[in-house]
Amino acid sequence: MSELVERLRTVREKIIRITEERRLLRERIAALGATERERIQQLDVLQARVAELEKENEVLRASRSPQASTDTLGTKQRIDELVNEIDRCLELLNT
């Protein structure tokens, strides 16, 4: 009879332990669900910000296009001048 009582006591302890584990797991699931919702909200905000910045970038690119080609031409000319000057310096060094 004492063996049966001991087995029942062991089963009862396991049930208590499993019930506590279940409760902890449910709490963890709830916390993870809240974290997931927060992350989804952050993702939505960040995606909206990226879209906003992309639009702003397009506006800036469109407004800079004529100026950019002029700047590029001036930059190329300056690079050519510097290359020619370097070539002259190298000639002087070699003679």
Protein backbone atom coordinates (compact mmCIF):
# COMPACT_ATOMS: atom_id res chain seq x y z
CA MET A 1 0.00 0.00 0.00
CA SER A 2 2.83 2.39 0.83
CA GLU A 3 4.24 1.75 -2.63
CA LEU A 4 0.97 2.93 -4.16
CA VAL A 5 0.95 6.01 -1.95
CA GLU A 6 4.53 6.78 -2.98
CA ARG A 7 3.68 6.40 -6.67
CA LEU A 8 0.67 8.69 -6.25
CA ARG A 9 2.82 11.25 -4.47
CA THR A 10 5.39 11.08 -7.32
CA VAL A 11 2.65 11.49 -9.94
CA ARG A 12 1.20 14.43 -8.02
CA GLU A 13 4.63 16.12 -7.85
CA LYS A 14 5.09 15.60 -11.61
CA ILE A 15 1.67 17.08 -12.29
CA ILE A 16 2.49 20.12 -10.16
CA ARG A 17 5.84 20.53 -11.91
CA ILE A 18 4.32 20.13 -15.37
CA THR A 19 1.52 22.55 -14.51
CA GLU A 20 4.08 25.14 -13.39
CA GLU A 21 6.14 24.61 -16.55
CA ARG A 22 2.97 25.06 -18.62
CA ARG A 23 2.18 28.31 -16.82
CA LEU A 24 5.71 29.61 -17.39
CA LEU A 25 5.59 28.63 -21.04
CA ARG A 26 2.26 30.42 -21.51
CA GLU A 27 3.74 33.55 -19.93
CA ARG A 28 6.73 33.30 -22.22
CA ILE A 29 4.48 32.84 -25.27
CA ALA A 30 2.51 35.94 -24.25
CA ALA A 31 5.72 37.94 -23.81
CA LEU A 32 7.05 36.76 -27.17
CA GLY A 33 3.74 37.68 -28.79
CA ALA A 34 4.00 41.19 -27.36
CA THR A 35 7.59 41.47 -28.56
CA GLU A 36 6.57 40.26 -32.00
CA ARG A 37 3.82 42.88 -32.21
CA GLU A 38 6.31 45.59 -31.20
CA ARG A 39 8.78 44.40 -33.83
CA ILE A 40 6.08 44.39 -36.50
CA GLN A 41 5.14 47.95 -35.57
CA GLN A 42 8.80 49.01 -35.70
CA LEU A 43 9.17 47.30 -39.07
CA ASP A 44 6.12 49.12 -40.42
CA VAL A 45 7.47 52.46 -39.20
CA LEU A 46 10.90 51.77 -40.68
CA GLN A 47 9.45 50.66 -44.01
CA ALA A 48 7.38 53.84 -44.17
CA ARG A 49 10.49 55.89 -43.38
CA VAL A 50 12.47 54.10 -46.10
CA ALA A 51 9.73 54.81 -48.62
CA GLU A 52 9.68 58.47 -47.54
CA LEU A 53 13.46 58.73 -47.87
CA GLU A 54 13.39 57.07 -51.29
CA LYS A 55 10.87 59.64 -52.49
CA GLU A 56 12.98 62.45 -51.05
CA ASN A 57 16.05 60.98 -52.72
CA GLU A 58 14.27 60.90 -56.08
CA VAL A 59 13.27 64.55 -55.68
CA LEU A 60 16.86 65.48 -54.84
CA ARG A 61 18.21 63.53 -57.81
CA ALA A 62 15.72 65.14 -60.14
CA SER A 63 16.60 68.60 -58.86
CA ARG A 64 20.36 68.02 -59.18
CA SER A 65 20.46 66.43 -62.65
CA PRO A 66 21.28 69.56 -64.71
CA GLN A 67 23.81 70.79 -62.18
CA ALA A 68 25.41 67.38 -61.79
CA SER A 69 26.27 67.10 -65.50
CA THR A 70 27.89 70.55 -65.42
CA ASP A 71 29.88 69.62 -62.31
CA THR A 72 30.96 66.36 -63.92
CA LEU A 73 32.25 68.16 -67.00
CA GLY A 74 34.23 70.63 -64.85
CA THR A 75 35.62 67.80 -62.76
CA LYS A 76 36.76 65.89 -65.85
CA GLN A 77 38.50 68.97 -67.18
CA ARG A 78 40.28 69.51 -63.86
CA ILE A 79 41.39 65.87 -63.80
CA ASP A 80 42.77 66.21 -67.35
CA GLU A 81 44.68 69.33 -66.31
CA LEU A 82 46.17 67.56 -63.30
CA VAL A 83 47.17 64.53 -65.39
CA ASN A 84 48.89 66.81 -67.92
CA GLU A 85 50.71 68.61 -65.11
CA ILE A 86 51.84 65.25 -63.67
CA ASP A 87 53.07 64.19 -67.10
CA ARG A 88 55.10 67.43 -67.42
CA CYS A 89 56.60 66.85 -63.98
CA LEU A 90 57.55 63.30 -64.90
CA GLU A 91 59.22 64.53 -68.10
CA LEU A 92 61.24 67.02 -66.11
CA LEU A 93 62.30 64.33 -63.67
CA ASN A 94 63.31 61.97 -66.45
CA THR A 95 65.50 64.52 -68.24
